[in-house]
Amino acid sequence: MRGCGLRIEEALGVHREDFRSPRILRLTGQASRDGSKKLPLKHRKRGEYRDVVVPGWLWEMVKDLPEGPLCPGNYRFYPRYETVRQQFHGAAKNEGIPAGFRPHSLRHVLSA
């Protein structure tokens, strides 16, 4: 999510093969909230996509990963939205991050 401005469902639906080059990520869908399937992107029809510029640090993290979902689920194709949201809030609390910082806030943190 951070660095590419992705929504939670978009980030969960990213596959290694969605990286078109070291600089372009092509979002073709997003994970369903229950993690069972990939849906069209919000405000787009099936088959439509959105290209996102990839920061160099992110490409370095994913370039050698195998094809498939970057965030595979344990019992589903993708993790459930609610599970990720709860894990985020728990980790944020443990690290002393202010309570108002939400997963959606990462969409607006584009560099570090």
PDB file of N, CA and C in Angstrom:
ATOM      1  N   MET A   1       0.830  -1.181   0.000  1.00  0.00           N
ATOM      2  CA  MET A   1       0.000   0.000   0.000  1.00  0.00           C
ATOM      3  C   MET A   1       0.884   1.258   0.000  1.00  0.00           C
ATOM      4  N   ARG A   2       1.875   1.235   0.906  1.00  0.00           N
ATOM      5  CA  ARG A   2       2.774   2.379   1.003  1.00  0.00           C
ATOM      6  C   ARG A   2       3.646   2.434  -0.243  1.00  0.00           C
ATOM      7  N   GLY A   3       3.781   3.609  -0.779  1.00  0.00           N
ATOM      8  CA  GLY A   3       4.642   3.787  -1.941  1.00  0.00           C
ATOM      9  C   GLY A   3       3.903   3.725  -3.261  1.00  0.00           C
ATOM     10  N   CYS A   4       2.746   3.055  -3.283  1.00  0.00           N
ATOM     11  CA  CYS A   4       1.971   2.939  -4.526  1.00  0.00           C
ATOM     12  C   CYS A   4       0.562   3.499  -4.389  1.00  0.00           C
ATOM     13  N   GLY A   5       0.167   3.893  -3.191  1.00  0.00           N
ATOM     14  CA  GLY A   5      -1.157   4.468  -2.994  1.00  0.00           C
ATOM     15  C   GLY A   5      -2.281   3.463  -3.164  1.00  0.00           C
ATOM     16  N   LEU A   6      -2.083   2.223  -2.719  1.00  0.00           N
ATOM     17  CA  LEU A   6      -3.088   1.180  -2.919  1.00  0.00           C
ATOM     18  C   LEU A   6      -4.064   1.082  -1.753  1.00  0.00           C
ATOM     19  N   ARG A   7      -5.293   0.703  -2.067  1.00  0.00           N
ATOM     20  CA  ARG A   7      -6.269   0.342  -1.048  1.00  0.00           C
ATOM     21  C   ARG A   7      -5.907  -1.044  -0.522  1.00  0.00           C
ATOM     22  N   ILE A   8      -6.443  -1.415   0.653  1.00  0.00           N
ATOM     23  CA  ILE A   8      -6.143  -2.725   1.242  1.00  0.00           C
ATOM     24  C   ILE A   8      -6.465  -3.841   0.252  1.00  0.00           C
ATOM     25  N   GLU A   9      -7.669  -3.820  -0.311  1.00  0.00           N
ATOM     26  CA  GLU A   9      -8.078  -4.899  -1.216  1.00  0.00           C
ATOM     27  C   GLU A   9      -7.199  -4.956  -2.461  1.00  0.00           C
ATOM     28  N   GLU A  10      -6.759  -3.790  -2.953  1.00  0.00           N
ATOM     29  CA  GLU A  10      -5.859  -3.766  -4.108  1.00  0.00           C
ATOM     30  C   GLU A  10      -4.515  -4.398  -3.750  1.00  0.00           C
ATOM     31  N   ALA A  11      -3.970  -4.014  -2.599  1.00  0.00           N
ATOM     32  CA  ALA A  11      -2.673  -4.560  -2.172  1.00  0.00           C
ATOM     33  C   ALA A  11      -2.754  -6.069  -1.983  1.00  0.00           C
ATOM     34  N   LEU A  12      -3.834  -6.556  -1.402  1.00  0.00           N
ATOM     35  CA  LEU A  12      -3.974  -7.997  -1.178  1.00  0.00           C
ATOM     36  C   LEU A  12      -4.081  -8.764  -2.491  1.00  0.00           C
ATOM     37  N   GLY A  13      -4.587  -8.122  -3.537  1.00  0.00           N
ATOM     38  CA  GLY A  13      -4.772  -8.779  -4.825  1.00  0.00           C
ATOM     39  C   GLY A  13      -3.584  -8.717  -5.762  1.00  0.00           C
ATOM     40  N   VAL A  14      -2.464  -8.110  -5.324  1.00  0.00           N
ATOM     41  CA  VAL A  14      -1.288  -7.983  -6.193  1.00  0.00           C
ATOM     42  C   VAL A  14      -0.570  -9.329  -6.314  1.00  0.00           C
ATOM     43  N   HIS A  15      -0.244  -9.675  -7.547  1.00  0.00           N
ATOM     44  CA  HIS A  15       0.550 -10.868  -7.848  1.00  0.00           C
ATOM     45  C   HIS A  15       1.910 -10.411  -8.360  1.00  0.00           C
ATOM     46  N   ARG A  16       2.917 -11.234  -8.181  1.00  0.00           N
ATOM     47  CA  ARG A  16       4.265 -10.887  -8.655  1.00  0.00           C
ATOM     48  C   ARG A  16       4.252 -10.564 -10.146  1.00  0.00           C
ATOM     49  N   GLU A  17       3.479 -11.304 -10.918  1.00  0.00           N
ATOM     50  CA  GLU A  17       3.446 -11.084 -12.369  1.00  0.00           C
ATOM     51  C   GLU A  17       2.722  -9.802 -12.777  1.00  0.00           C
ATOM     52  N   ASP A  18       2.117  -9.084 -11.827  1.00  0.00           N
ATOM     53  CA  ASP A  18       1.473  -7.798 -12.118  1.00  0.00           C
ATOM     54  C   ASP A  18       2.500  -6.684 -12.324  1.00  0.00           C
ATOM     55  N   PHE A  19       3.758  -6.931 -11.944  1.00  0.00           N
ATOM     56  CA  PHE A  19       4.810  -5.945 -12.172  1.00  0.00           C
ATOM     57  C   PHE A  19       5.228  -6.056 -13.632  1.00  0.00           C
ATOM     58  N   ARG A  20       4.929  -5.027 -14.418  1.00  0.00           N
ATOM     59  CA  ARG A  20       5.207  -5.030 -15.851  1.00  0.00           C
ATOM     60  C   ARG A  20       6.657  -4.700 -16.149  1.00  0.00           C
ATOM     61  N   SER A  21       7.300  -4.019 -15.223  1.00  0.00           N
ATOM     62  CA  SER A  21       8.707  -3.642 -15.324  1.00  0.00           C
ATOM     63  C   SER A  21       9.138  -3.247 -13.915  1.00  0.00           C
ATOM     64  N   PRO A  22      10.400  -2.912 -13.722  1.00  0.00           N
ATOM     65  CA  PRO A  22      10.813  -2.462 -12.394  1.00  0.00           C
ATOM     66  C   PRO A  22      10.118  -1.172 -11.955  1.00  0.00           C
ATOM     67  N   ARG A  23       9.447  -0.487 -12.864  1.00  0.00           N
ATOM     68  CA  ARG A  23       8.826   0.796 -12.526  1.00  0.00           C
ATOM     69  C   ARG A  23       7.303   0.818 -12.636  1.00  0.00           C
ATOM     70  N   ILE A  24       6.671  -0.248 -13.164  1.00  0.00           N
ATOM     71  CA  ILE A  24       5.220  -0.221 -13.384  1.00  0.00           C
ATOM     72  C   ILE A  24       4.546  -1.454 -12.790  1.00  0.00           C
ATOM     73  N   LEU A  25       3.521  -1.210 -11.971  1.00  0.00           N
ATOM     74  CA  LEU A  25       2.656  -2.243 -11.434  1.00  0.00           C
ATOM     75  C   LEU A  25       1.291  -2.066 -12.087  1.00  0.00           C
ATOM     76  N   ARG A  26       0.811  -3.111 -12.752  1.00  0.00           N
ATOM     77  CA  ARG A  26      -0.500  -3.046 -13.400  1.00  0.00           C
ATOM     78  C   ARG A  26      -1.519  -3.739 -12.508  1.00  0.00           C
ATOM     79  N   LEU A  27      -2.401  -2.942 -11.917  1.00  0.00           N
ATOM     80  CA  LEU A  27      -3.466  -3.482 -11.075  1.00  0.00           C
ATOM     81  C   LEU A  27      -4.623  -3.904 -11.967  1.00  0.00           C
ATOM     82  N   THR A  28      -4.928  -5.184 -11.943  1.00  0.00           N
ATOM     83  CA  THR A  28      -6.006  -5.718 -12.780  1.00  0.00           C
ATOM     84  C   THR A  28      -7.227  -6.114 -11.971  1.00  0.00           C
ATOM     85  N   GLY A  29      -7.111  -6.077 -10.658  1.00  0.00           N
ATOM     86  CA  GLY A  29      -8.226  -6.441  -9.798  1.00  0.00           C
ATOM     87  C   GLY A  29      -7.837  -6.276  -8.352  1.00  0.00           C
ATOM     88  N   GLN A  30      -8.766  -6.620  -7.489  1.00  0.00           N
ATOM     89  CA  GLN A  30      -8.523  -6.537  -6.054  1.00  0.00           C
ATOM     90  C   GLN A  30      -9.135  -7.748  -5.381  1.00  0.00           C
ATOM     91  N   ALA A  31      -8.616  -8.083  -4.214  1.00  0.00           N
ATOM     92  CA  ALA A  31      -9.134  -9.226  -3.463  1.00  0.00           C
ATOM     93  C   ALA A  31     -10.522  -8.900  -2.931  1.00  0.00           C
ATOM     94  N   SER A  32     -11.385  -9.906  -2.905  1.00  0.00           N
ATOM     95  CA  SER A  32     -12.688  -9.729  -2.266  1.00  0.00           C
ATOM     96  C   SER A  32     -12.479  -9.626  -0.760  1.00  0.00           C
ATOM     97  N   ARG A  33     -13.431  -9.032  -0.048  1.00  0.00           N
ATOM     98  CA  ARG A  33     -13.281  -8.855   1.401  1.00  0.00           C
ATOM     99  C   ARG A  33     -13.140 -10.183   2.130  1.00  0.00           C
ATOM    100  N   ASP A  34     -13.744 -11.247   1.584  1.00  0.00           N
ATOM    101  CA  ASP A  34     -13.631 -12.552   2.253  1.00  0.00           C
ATOM    102  C   ASP A  34     -12.406 -13.336   1.784  1.00  0.00           C
ATOM    103  N   GLY A  35     -11.632 -12.786   0.841  1.00  0.00           N
ATOM    104  CA  GLY A  35     -10.400 -13.413   0.381  1.00  0.00           C
ATOM    105  C   GLY A  35     -10.571 -14.572  -0.582  1.00  0.00           C
ATOM    106  N   SER A  36     -11.792 -14.812  -1.046  1.00  0.00           N
ATOM    107  CA  SER A  36     -12.051 -15.998  -1.860  1.00  0.00           C
ATOM    108  C   SER A  36     -11.782 -15.818  -3.351  1.00  0.00           C
ATOM    109  N   LYS A  37     -11.699 -14.571  -3.829  1.00  0.00           N
ATOM    110  CA  LYS A  37     -11.549 -14.362  -5.271  1.00  0.00           C
ATOM    111  C   LYS A  37     -11.000 -12.968  -5.558  1.00  0.00           C
ATOM    112  N   LYS A  38     -10.670 -12.763  -6.832  1.00  0.00           N
ATOM    113  CA  LYS A  38     -10.219 -11.461  -7.307  1.00  0.00           C
ATOM    114  C   LYS A  38     -11.385 -10.800  -8.030  1.00  0.00           C
ATOM    115  N   LEU A  39     -11.657  -9.550  -7.683  1.00  0.00           N
ATOM    116  CA  LEU A  39     -12.760  -8.775  -8.254  1.00  0.00           C
ATOM    117  C   LEU A  39     -12.204  -7.643  -9.114  1.00  0.00           C
ATOM    118  N   PRO A  40     -13.047  -7.041  -9.961  1.00  0.00           N
ATOM    119  CA  PRO A  40     -12.587  -5.852 -10.693  1.00  0.00           C
ATOM    120  C   PRO A  40     -12.210  -4.739  -9.707  1.00  0.00           C
ATOM    121  N   LEU A  41     -11.330  -3.856 -10.115  1.00  0.00           N
ATOM    122  CA  LEU A  41     -10.964  -2.713  -9.287  1.00  0.00           C
ATOM    123  C   LEU A  41     -12.177  -1.838  -9.014  1.00  0.00           C
ATOM    124  N   LYS A  42     -12.152  -1.154  -7.895  1.00  0.00           N
ATOM    125  CA  LYS A  42     -13.224  -0.220  -7.545  1.00  0.00           C
ATOM    126  C   LYS A  42     -13.369   0.821  -8.657  1.00  0.00           C
ATOM    127  N   HIS A  43     -14.595   1.077  -9.059  1.00  0.00           N
ATOM    128  CA  HIS A  43     -14.930   2.049 -10.112  1.00  0.00           C
ATOM    129  C   HIS A  43     -14.436   1.637 -11.499  1.00  0.00           C
ATOM    130  N   ARG A  44     -14.158   0.336 -11.688  1.00  0.00           N
ATOM    131  CA  ARG A  44     -13.746  -0.153 -13.004  1.00  0.00           C
ATOM    132  C   ARG A  44     -14.479  -1.439 -13.327  1.00  0.00           C
ATOM    133  N   LYS A  45     -14.574  -1.725 -14.623  1.00  0.00           N
ATOM    134  CA  LYS A  45     -15.213  -2.965 -15.081  1.00  0.00           C
ATOM    135  C   LYS A  45     -14.159  -4.049 -15.228  1.00  0.00           C
ATOM    136  N   ARG A  46     -14.612  -5.291 -15.248  1.00  0.00           N
ATOM    137  CA  ARG A  46     -13.702  -6.416 -15.442  1.00  0.00           C
ATOM    138  C   ARG A  46     -12.902  -6.188 -16.730  1.00  0.00           C
ATOM    139  N   GLY A  47     -11.602  -6.392 -16.664  1.00  0.00           N
ATOM    140  CA  GLY A  47     -10.723  -6.195 -17.823  1.00  0.00           C
ATOM    141  C   GLY A  47     -10.041  -4.832 -17.834  1.00  0.00           C
ATOM    142  N   GLU A  48     -10.577  -3.871 -17.088  1.00  0.00           N
ATOM    143  CA  GLU A  48      -9.933  -2.563 -17.000  1.00  0.00           C
ATOM    144  C   GLU A  48      -8.832  -2.631 -15.937  1.00  0.00           C
ATOM    145  N   TYR A  49      -7.857  -1.770 -16.044  1.00  0.00           N
ATOM    146  CA  TYR A  49      -6.730  -1.805 -15.120  1.00  0.00           C
ATOM    147  C   TYR A  49      -6.270  -0.397 -14.799  1.00  0.00           C
ATOM    148  N   ARG A  50      -5.331  -0.325 -13.867  1.00  0.00           N
ATOM    149  CA  ARG A  50      -4.699   0.933 -13.473  1.00  0.00           C
ATOM    150  C   ARG A  50      -3.211   0.663 -13.321  1.00  0.00           C
ATOM    151  N   ASP A  51      -2.384   1.453 -14.009  1.00  0.00           N
ATOM    152  CA  ASP A  51      -0.937   1.340 -13.885  1.00  0.00           C
ATOM    153  C   ASP A  51      -0.444   2.299 -12.801  1.00  0.00           C
ATOM    154  N   VAL A  52       0.463   1.794 -11.968  1.00  0.00           N
ATOM    155  CA  VAL A  52       0.990   2.550 -10.835  1.00  0.00           C
ATOM    156  C   VAL A  52       2.510   2.558 -10.930  1.00  0.00           C
ATOM    157  N   VAL A  53       3.120   3.702 -10.672  1.00  0.00           N
ATOM    158  CA  VAL A  53       4.581   3.801 -10.646  1.00  0.00           C
ATOM    159  C   VAL A  53       5.089   3.114  -9.377  1.00  0.00           C
ATOM    160  N   VAL A  54       6.122   2.306  -9.533  1.00  0.00           N
ATOM    161  CA  VAL A  54       6.690   1.521  -8.431  1.00  0.00           C
ATOM    162  C   VAL A  54       7.979   2.179  -7.940  1.00  0.00           C
ATOM    163  N   PRO A  55       8.066   2.467  -6.638  1.00  0.00           N
ATOM    164  CA  PRO A  55       9.331   2.985  -6.115  1.00  0.00           C
ATOM    165  C   PRO A  55      10.413   1.906  -6.169  1.00  0.00           C
ATOM    166  N   GLY A  56      11.647   2.309  -6.333  1.00  0.00           N
ATOM    167  CA  GLY A  56      12.756   1.366  -6.451  1.00  0.00           C
ATOM    168  C   GLY A  56      12.872   0.412  -5.277  1.00  0.00           C
ATOM    169  N   TRP A  57      12.625   0.887  -4.054  1.00  0.00           N
ATOM    170  CA  TRP A  57      12.745   0.019  -2.873  1.00  0.00           C
ATOM    171  C   TRP A  57      11.731  -1.114  -2.918  1.00  0.00           C
ATOM    172  N   LEU A  58      10.548  -0.861  -3.476  1.00  0.00           N
ATOM    173  CA  LEU A  58       9.536  -1.911  -3.555  1.00  0.00           C
ATOM    174  C   LEU A  58       9.938  -2.963  -4.585  1.00  0.00           C
ATOM    175  N   TRP A  59      10.426  -2.518  -5.729  1.00  0.00           N
ATOM    176  CA  TRP A  59      10.875  -3.470  -6.749  1.00  0.00           C
ATOM    177  C   TRP A  59      11.961  -4.377  -6.183  1.00  0.00           C
ATOM    178  N   GLU A  60      12.886  -3.815  -5.412  1.00  0.00           N
ATOM    179  CA  GLU A  60      13.957  -4.619  -4.811  1.00  0.00           C
ATOM    180  C   GLU A  60      13.393  -5.693  -3.886  1.00  0.00           C
ATOM    181  N   MET A  61      12.270  -5.400  -3.221  1.00  0.00           N
ATOM    182  CA  MET A  61      11.666  -6.363  -2.301  1.00  0.00           C
ATOM    183  C   MET A  61      10.962  -7.511  -3.027  1.00  0.00           C
ATOM    184  N   VAL A  62      10.424  -7.254  -4.220  1.00  0.00           N
ATOM    185  CA  VAL A  62       9.585  -8.261  -4.882  1.00  0.00           C
ATOM    186  C   VAL A  62      10.221  -8.916  -6.104  1.00  0.00           C
ATOM    187  N   LYS A  63      11.295  -8.366  -6.629  1.00  0.00           N
ATOM    188  CA  LYS A  63      11.814  -8.815  -7.926  1.00  0.00           C
ATOM    189  C   LYS A  63      12.180 -10.295  -7.983  1.00  0.00           C
ATOM    190  N   ASP A  64      12.604 -10.885  -6.891  1.00  0.00           N
ATOM    191  CA  ASP A  64      13.024 -12.283  -6.906  1.00  0.00           C
ATOM    192  C   ASP A  64      11.974 -13.242  -6.341  1.00  0.00           C
ATOM    193  N   LEU A  65      10.794 -12.738  -6.055  1.00  0.00           N
ATOM    194  CA  LEU A  65       9.726 -13.595  -5.524  1.00  0.00           C
ATOM    195  C   LEU A  65       9.126 -14.450  -6.643  1.00  0.00           C
ATOM    196  N   PRO A  66       8.563 -15.608  -6.301  1.00  0.00           N
ATOM    197  CA  PRO A  66       7.909 -16.437  -7.321  1.00  0.00           C
ATOM    198  C   PRO A  66       6.589 -15.808  -7.763  1.00  0.00           C
ATOM    199  N   GLU A  67       6.081 -16.249  -8.907  1.00  0.00           N
ATOM    200  CA  GLU A  67       4.787 -15.767  -9.381  1.00  0.00           C
ATOM    201  C   GLU A  67       3.703 -16.176  -8.398  1.00  0.00           C
ATOM    202  N   GLY A  68       2.615 -15.432  -8.412  1.00  0.00           N
ATOM    203  CA  GLY A  68       1.499 -15.697  -7.515  1.00  0.00           C
ATOM    204  C   GLY A  68       1.239 -14.513  -6.609  1.00  0.00           C
ATOM    205  N   PRO A  69       0.241 -14.633  -5.742  1.00  0.00           N
ATOM    206  CA  PRO A  69      -0.103 -13.521  -4.843  1.00  0.00           C
ATOM    207  C   PRO A  69       1.061 -13.164  -3.924  1.00  0.00           C
ATOM    208  N   LEU A  70       1.288 -11.866  -3.733  1.00  0.00           N
ATOM    209  CA  LEU A  70       2.319 -11.440  -2.802  1.00  0.00           C
ATOM    210  C   LEU A  70       1.873 -11.668  -1.360  1.00  0.00           C
ATOM    211  N   CYS A  71       0.560 -11.685  -1.140  1.00  0.00           N
ATOM    212  CA  CYS A  71      -0.009 -11.908   0.193  1.00  0.00           C
ATOM    213  C   CYS A  71      -0.980 -13.083   0.118  1.00  0.00           C
ATOM    214  N   PRO A  72      -0.484 -14.303  -0.007  1.00  0.00           N
ATOM    215  CA  PRO A  72      -1.402 -15.437  -0.105  1.00  0.00           C
ATOM    216  C   PRO A  72      -2.120 -15.690   1.224  1.00  0.00           C
ATOM    217  N   GLY A  73      -3.345 -16.167   1.138  1.00  0.00           N
ATOM    218  CA  GLY A  73      -4.094 -16.509   2.333  1.00  0.00           C
ATOM    219  C   GLY A  73      -3.737 -17.908   2.815  1.00  0.00           C
ATOM    220  N   ASN A  74      -4.094 -18.203   4.056  1.00  0.00           N
ATOM    221  CA  ASN A  74      -3.837 -19.538   4.603  1.00  0.00           C
ATOM    222  C   ASN A  74      -4.844 -20.556   4.088  1.00  0.00           C
ATOM    223  N   TYR A  75      -6.113 -20.220   4.147  1.00  0.00           N
ATOM    224  CA  TYR A  75      -7.163 -21.152   3.751  1.00  0.00           C
ATOM    225  C   TYR A  75      -7.978 -20.630   2.570  1.00  0.00           C
ATOM    226  N   ARG A  76      -7.670 -19.448   2.123  1.00  0.00           N
ATOM    227  CA  ARG A  76      -8.349 -18.810   1.002  1.00  0.00           C
ATOM    228  C   ARG A  76      -7.281 -18.348   0.018  1.00  0.00           C
ATOM    229  N   PHE A  77      -7.725 -17.869  -1.121  1.00  0.00           N
ATOM    230  CA  PHE A  77      -6.759 -17.392  -2.105  1.00  0.00           C
ATOM    231  C   PHE A  77      -5.980 -16.188  -1.569  1.00  0.00           C
ATOM    232  N   TYR A  78      -6.681 -15.282  -0.874  1.00  0.00           N
ATOM    233  CA  TYR A  78      -6.082 -14.080  -0.284  1.00  0.00           C
ATOM    234  C   TYR A  78      -6.480 -14.005   1.192  1.00  0.00           C
ATOM    235  N   PRO A  79      -5.738 -13.226   1.990  1.00  0.00           N
ATOM    236  CA  PRO A  79      -6.170 -13.017   3.378  1.00  0.00           C
ATOM    237  C   PRO A  79      -7.497 -12.247   3.410  1.00  0.00           C
ATOM    238  N   ARG A  80      -8.269 -12.461   4.461  1.00  0.00           N
ATOM    239  CA  ARG A  80      -9.512 -11.711   4.635  1.00  0.00           C
ATOM    240  C   ARG A  80      -9.195 -10.257   5.003  1.00  0.00           C
ATOM    241  N   TYR A  81      -9.971  -9.336   4.478  1.00  0.00           N
ATOM    242  CA  TYR A  81      -9.804  -7.905   4.753  1.00  0.00           C
ATOM    243  C   TYR A  81      -9.798  -7.644   6.250  1.00  0.00           C
ATOM    244  N   GLU A  82     -10.760  -8.191   6.961  1.00  0.00           N
ATOM    245  CA  GLU A  82     -10.890  -7.921   8.400  1.00  0.00           C
ATOM    246  C   GLU A  82      -9.687  -8.439   9.175  1.00  0.00           C
ATOM    247  N   THR A  83      -9.136  -9.565   8.782  1.00  0.00           N
ATOM    248  CA  THR A  83      -7.949 -10.113   9.441  1.00  0.00           C
ATOM    249  C   THR A  83      -6.769  -9.157   9.287  1.00  0.00           C
ATOM    250  N   VAL A  84      -6.560  -8.648   8.082  1.00  0.00           N
ATOM    251  CA  VAL A  84      -5.457  -7.722   7.827  1.00  0.00           C
ATOM    252  C   VAL A  84      -5.662  -6.426   8.597  1.00  0.00           C
ATOM    253  N   ARG A  85      -6.881  -5.927   8.612  1.00  0.00           N
ATOM    254  CA  ARG A  85      -7.183  -4.683   9.327  1.00  0.00           C
ATOM    255  C   ARG A  85      -6.890  -4.842  10.821  1.00  0.00           C
ATOM    256  N   GLN A  86      -7.319  -5.947  11.398  1.00  0.00           N
ATOM    257  CA  GLN A  86      -7.072  -6.189  12.830  1.00  0.00           C
ATOM    258  C   GLN A  86      -5.581  -6.351  13.121  1.00  0.00           C
ATOM    259  N   GLN A  87      -4.865  -7.061  12.262  1.00  0.00           N
ATOM    260  CA  GLN A  87      -3.420  -7.229  12.448  1.00  0.00           C
ATOM    261  C   GLN A  87      -2.709  -5.881  12.377  1.00  0.00           C
ATOM    262  N   PHE A  88      -3.136  -5.041  11.445  1.00  0.00           N
ATOM    263  CA  PHE A  88      -2.551  -3.708  11.308  1.00  0.00           C
ATOM    264  C   PHE A  88      -2.733  -2.918  12.601  1.00  0.00           C
ATOM    265  N   HIS A  89      -3.964  -2.898  13.114  1.00  0.00           N
ATOM    266  CA  HIS A  89      -4.231  -2.117  14.325  1.00  0.00           C
ATOM    267  C   HIS A  89      -3.449  -2.651  15.523  1.00  0.00           C
ATOM    268  N   GLY A  90      -3.314  -3.968  15.633  1.00  0.00           N
ATOM    269  CA  GLY A  90      -2.531  -4.553  16.716  1.00  0.00           C
ATOM    270  C   GLY A  90      -1.062  -4.176  16.620  1.00  0.00           C
ATOM    271  N   ALA A  91      -0.509  -4.269  15.419  1.00  0.00           N
ATOM    272  CA  ALA A  91       0.901  -3.919  15.215  1.00  0.00           C
ATOM    273  C   ALA A  91       1.129  -2.423  15.456  1.00  0.00           C
ATOM    274  N   ALA A  92       0.203  -1.589  14.977  1.00  0.00           N
ATOM    275  CA  ALA A  92       0.332  -0.142  15.175  1.00  0.00           C
ATOM    276  C   ALA A  92       0.311   0.196  16.663  1.00  0.00           C
ATOM    277  N   LYS A  93      -0.575  -0.425  17.403  1.00  0.00           N
ATOM    278  CA  LYS A  93      -0.662  -0.183  18.847  1.00  0.00           C
ATOM    279  C   LYS A  93       0.636  -0.613  19.539  1.00  0.00           C
ATOM    280  N   ASN A  94       1.152  -1.788  19.170  1.00  0.00           N
ATOM    281  CA  ASN A  94       2.404  -2.283  19.767  1.00  0.00           C
ATOM    282  C   ASN A  94       3.583  -1.362  19.491  1.00  0.00           C
ATOM    283  N   GLU A  95       3.568  -0.686  18.361  1.00  0.00           N
ATOM    284  CA  GLU A  95       4.665   0.201  17.980  1.00  0.00           C
ATOM    285  C   GLU A  95       4.454   1.645  18.424  1.00  0.00           C
ATOM    286  N   GLY A  96       3.334   1.912  19.102  1.00  0.00           N
ATOM    287  CA  GLY A  96       3.072   3.260  19.590  1.00  0.00           C
ATOM    288  C   GLY A  96       2.601   4.230  18.529  1.00  0.00           C
ATOM    289  N   ILE A  97       2.086   3.726  17.425  1.00  0.00           N
ATOM    290  CA  ILE A  97       1.562   4.589  16.362  1.00  0.00           C
ATOM    291  C   ILE A  97       0.211   5.137  16.838  1.00  0.00           C
ATOM    292  N   PRO A  98      -0.056   6.427  16.662  1.00  0.00           N
ATOM    293  CA  PRO A  98      -1.300   7.023  17.145  1.00  0.00           C
ATOM    294  C   PRO A  98      -2.541   6.285  16.632  1.00  0.00           C
ATOM    295  N   ALA A  99      -3.573   6.215  17.480  1.00  0.00           N
ATOM    296  CA  ALA A  99      -4.791   5.465  17.182  1.00  0.00           C
ATOM    297  C   ALA A  99      -5.480   5.919  15.894  1.00  0.00           C
ATOM    298  N   GLY A 100      -5.342   7.163  15.504  1.00  0.00           N
ATOM    299  CA  GLY A 100      -6.008   7.659  14.304  1.00  0.00           C
ATOM    300  C   GLY A 100      -5.380   7.215  12.993  1.00  0.00           C
ATOM    301  N   PHE A 101      -4.206   6.588  13.058  1.00  0.00           N
ATOM    302  CA  PHE A 101      -3.529   6.131  11.839  1.00  0.00           C
ATOM    303  C   PHE A 101      -4.151   4.815  11.408  1.00  0.00           C
ATOM    304  N   ARG A 102      -4.750   4.792  10.241  1.00  0.00           N
ATOM    305  CA  ARG A 102      -5.468   3.640   9.719  1.00  0.00           C
ATOM    306  C   ARG A 102      -4.730   3.044   8.518  1.00  0.00           C
ATOM    307  N   PRO A 103      -5.076   1.810   8.137  1.00  0.00           N
ATOM    308  CA  PRO A 103      -4.455   1.250   6.927  1.00  0.00           C
ATOM    309  C   PRO A 103      -4.615   2.173   5.713  1.00  0.00           C
ATOM    310  N   HIS A 104      -5.764   2.831   5.622  1.00  0.00           N
ATOM    311  CA  HIS A 104      -5.994   3.737   4.489  1.00  0.00           C
ATOM    312  C   HIS A 104      -4.967   4.877   4.479  1.00  0.00           C
ATOM    313  N   SER A 105      -4.450   5.237   5.654  1.00  0.00           N
ATOM    314  CA  SER A 105      -3.450   6.319   5.738  1.00  0.00           C
ATOM    315  C   SER A 105      -2.206   5.996   4.908  1.00  0.00           C
ATOM    316  N   LEU A 106      -1.911   4.697   4.725  1.00  0.00           N
ATOM    317  CA  LEU A 106      -0.739   4.293   3.952  1.00  0.00           C
ATOM    318  C   LEU A 106      -0.843   4.695   2.484  1.00  0.00           C
ATOM    319  N   ARG A 107      -2.068   4.908   1.999  1.00  0.00           N
ATOM    320  CA  ARG A 107      -2.230   5.352   0.600  1.00  0.00           C
ATOM    321  C   ARG A 107      -1.577   6.703   0.369  1.00  0.00           C
ATOM    322  N   HIS A 108      -1.422   7.464   1.441  1.00  0.00           N
ATOM    323  CA  HIS A 108      -0.923   8.827   1.323  1.00  0.00           C
ATOM    324  C   HIS A 108       0.533   8.975   1.763  1.00  0.00           C
ATOM    325  N   VAL A 109       1.187   7.848   2.084  1.00  0.00           N
ATOM    326  CA  VAL A 109       2.601   7.826   2.450  1.00  0.00           C
ATOM    327  C   VAL A 109       3.346   7.269   1.252  1.00  0.00           C
ATOM    328  N   LEU A 110       3.821   8.130   0.378  1.00  0.00           N
ATOM    329  CA  LEU A 110       4.387   7.658  -0.883  1.00  0.00           C
ATOM    330  C   LEU A 110       5.900   7.473  -0.863  1.00  0.00           C
ATOM    331  N   SER A 111       6.585   7.982   0.107  1.00  0.00           N
ATOM    332  CA  SER A 111       8.032   7.779   0.134  1.00  0.00           C
ATOM    333  C   SER A 111       8.501   7.717   1.576  1.00  0.00           C
ATOM    334  N   ALA A 112       9.704   7.206   1.739  1.00  0.00           N
ATOM    335  CA  ALA A 112      10.277   7.135   3.091  1.00  0.00           C
ATOM    336  C   ALA A 112      11.762   7.413   3.030  1.00  0.00           C
TER     337      ALA A 112
END
